[in-house]
């Protein structure tokens, strides 16, 4: 009886292991995609709106840099597009419609060098 139980366990283990190493790459589950997205690491160049404002004040080149900031407020009907205000006179601009609430944390990539307009910085991002 012990030998039969042992053989059944071995067969079950072999079947389970063969399923784990399947070569079928056409089937991807939503959960698997989510895990892949979460696993990506983003290297942030400026971890706050204050550090980014300081870089602008020091005339640093910021094109292509990644900035993380908290949304203070936003205006979807700005003449520039969607305008997201992050304090320190920073206005992040995008043509995309984002669903935001004040307090959201965004990490964005800067497109081009920001422009100063009426004591505030206009910053285009992806």
Protein backbone atom coordinates (compact mmCIF):
# COMPACT_ATOMS: atom_id res chain seq x y z
CA UNK A 1 0.00 0.00 0.00
CA UNK A 2 2.87 2.37 0.79
CA UNK A 3 4.40 1.71 -2.65
CA UNK A 4 1.14 2.61 -4.42
CA UNK A 5 0.83 5.85 -2.43
CA UNK A 6 4.46 6.68 -3.20
CA UNK A 7 3.93 6.10 -6.95
CA UNK A 8 0.78 8.25 -6.96
CA UNK A 9 2.65 11.07 -5.19
CA UNK A 10 5.55 10.85 -7.65
CA UNK A 11 3.21 10.95 -10.66
CA UNK A 12 1.38 13.96 -9.19
CA UNK A 13 4.67 15.80 -8.59
CA UNK A 14 5.86 15.06 -12.13
CA UNK A 15 2.59 16.36 -13.60
CA UNK A 16 2.73 19.51 -11.48
CA UNK A 17 6.35 20.20 -12.40
CA UNK A 18 5.74 19.64 -16.11
CA UNK A 19 2.91 22.20 -15.94
CA UNK A 20 5.22 24.75 -14.31
CA UNK A 21 7.72 24.55 -17.16
CA UNK A 22 5.26 24.80 -20.04
CA UNK A 23 6.58 26.36 -23.25
CA UNK A 24 3.18 27.88 -24.12
CA UNK A 25 3.95 31.62 -24.09
CA UNK A 26 0.79 32.75 -25.90
CA UNK A 27 -1.34 32.67 -22.76
CA UNK A 28 -0.70 35.50 -20.29
CA UNK A 29 -3.06 36.13 -17.43
CA UNK A 30 -4.01 39.59 -16.17
CA UNK A 31 -2.45 38.78 -12.79
CA UNK A 32 0.86 37.94 -14.47
CA UNK A 33 0.85 41.29 -16.32
CA UNK A 34 0.12 43.12 -13.09
CA UNK A 35 3.04 41.44 -11.37
CA UNK A 36 5.35 42.36 -14.26
CA UNK A 37 4.28 46.01 -14.05
CA UNK A 38 4.79 46.17 -10.30
CA UNK A 39 8.22 44.57 -10.62
CA UNK A 40 9.59 47.44 -12.75
CA UNK A 41 11.68 49.93 -10.81
CA UNK A 42 11.52 53.65 -11.54
CA UNK A 43 14.58 55.71 -10.70
CA UNK A 44 13.35 59.14 -9.65
CA UNK A 45 15.64 62.11 -10.27
CA UNK A 46 13.68 64.55 -8.09
CA UNK A 47 11.70 63.05 -5.22
CA UNK A 48 9.61 66.14 -4.42
CA UNK A 49 8.36 69.37 -5.92
CA UNK A 50 10.75 71.26 -3.62
CA UNK A 51 13.85 69.46 -4.93
CA UNK A 52 12.63 69.98 -8.50
CA UNK A 53 11.96 73.71 -7.88
CA UNK A 54 15.48 74.02 -6.47
CA UNK A 55 16.91 72.41 -9.63
CA UNK A 56 14.96 74.88 -11.79
CA UNK A 57 16.21 77.77 -9.68
CA UNK A 58 19.78 76.51 -10.20
CA UNK A 59 19.21 76.35 -14.00
CA UNK A 60 19.74 72.59 -14.16
CA UNK A 61 18.77 70.80 -17.37
CA UNK A 62 15.72 68.69 -16.52
CA UNK A 63 14.57 67.42 -19.94
CA UNK A 64 13.99 63.65 -19.69
CA UNK A 65 14.29 63.62 -15.90
CA UNK A 66 11.72 61.91 -13.67
CA UNK A 67 9.96 63.98 -11.01
CA UNK A 68 7.74 62.72 -8.19
CA UNK A 69 5.30 65.20 -6.67
CA UNK A 70 2.00 65.48 -4.83
CA UNK A 71 -0.97 66.97 -6.66
CA UNK A 72 -2.08 70.13 -4.83
CA UNK A 73 -4.82 71.02 -7.31
CA UNK A 74 -5.55 70.69 -11.01
CA UNK A 75 -7.46 72.38 -13.82
CA UNK A 76 -8.72 70.26 -16.71
CA UNK A 77 -9.83 73.34 -18.70
CA UNK A 78 -6.57 75.29 -18.68
CA UNK A 79 -5.68 76.95 -21.98
CA UNK A 80 -2.48 74.85 -21.97
CA UNK A 81 -4.17 71.48 -21.44
CA UNK A 82 -4.57 69.71 -18.12
CA UNK A 83 -2.68 71.78 -15.57
CA UNK A 84 -1.53 70.07 -12.38
CA UNK A 85 -0.28 72.38 -9.66
CA UNK A 86 2.37 71.00 -7.33
CA UNK A 87 3.26 73.99 -5.20
CA UNK A 88 6.32 76.23 -5.40
CA UNK A 89 4.73 77.82 -8.51
CA UNK A 90 5.05 74.60 -10.51
CA UNK A 91 2.43 73.85 -13.17
CA UNK A 92 2.78 70.46 -14.82
CA UNK A 93 0.98 70.35 -18.19
CA UNK A 94 -0.29 67.40 -20.20
CA UNK A 95 -2.71 66.92 -23.09
CA UNK A 96 -3.93 63.64 -21.55
CA UNK A 97 -7.05 63.48 -19.40
CA UNK A 98 -5.93 62.04 -16.09
CA UNK A 99 -8.24 61.06 -13.27
CA UNK A 100 -6.72 62.78 -10.24
CA UNK A 101 -7.61 63.92 -6.77
CA UNK A 102 -5.59 66.34 -4.65
CA UNK A 103 -3.02 64.37 -2.68
CA UNK A 104 -2.25 61.89 -5.48
CA UNK A 105 1.43 61.16 -5.97
CA UNK A 106 2.65 61.29 -9.58
CA UNK A 107 5.97 60.30 -11.13
CA UNK A 108 6.37 61.94 -14.54
CA UNK A 109 9.03 62.33 -17.23
CA UNK A 110 9.75 65.93 -18.23
CA UNK A 111 9.41 66.83 -21.95
CA UNK A 112 11.70 69.69 -22.92
CA UNK A 113 12.95 72.44 -20.68
CA UNK A 114 10.34 74.22 -18.53
CA UNK A 115 9.41 77.82 -19.27
CA UNK A 116 8.91 80.59 -16.73
CA UNK A 117 5.63 82.51 -17.17
CA UNK A 118 4.26 85.07 -14.68
CA UNK A 119 6.30 83.79 -11.71
CA UNK A 120 5.39 80.13 -12.31
CA UNK A 121 7.08 77.31 -14.15
CA UNK A 122 5.23 75.67 -17.05
CA UNK A 123 6.43 72.06 -17.29
CA UNK A 124 5.36 69.67 -20.07
CA UNK A 125 5.45 65.97 -19.17
CA UNK A 126 4.59 62.43 -20.30
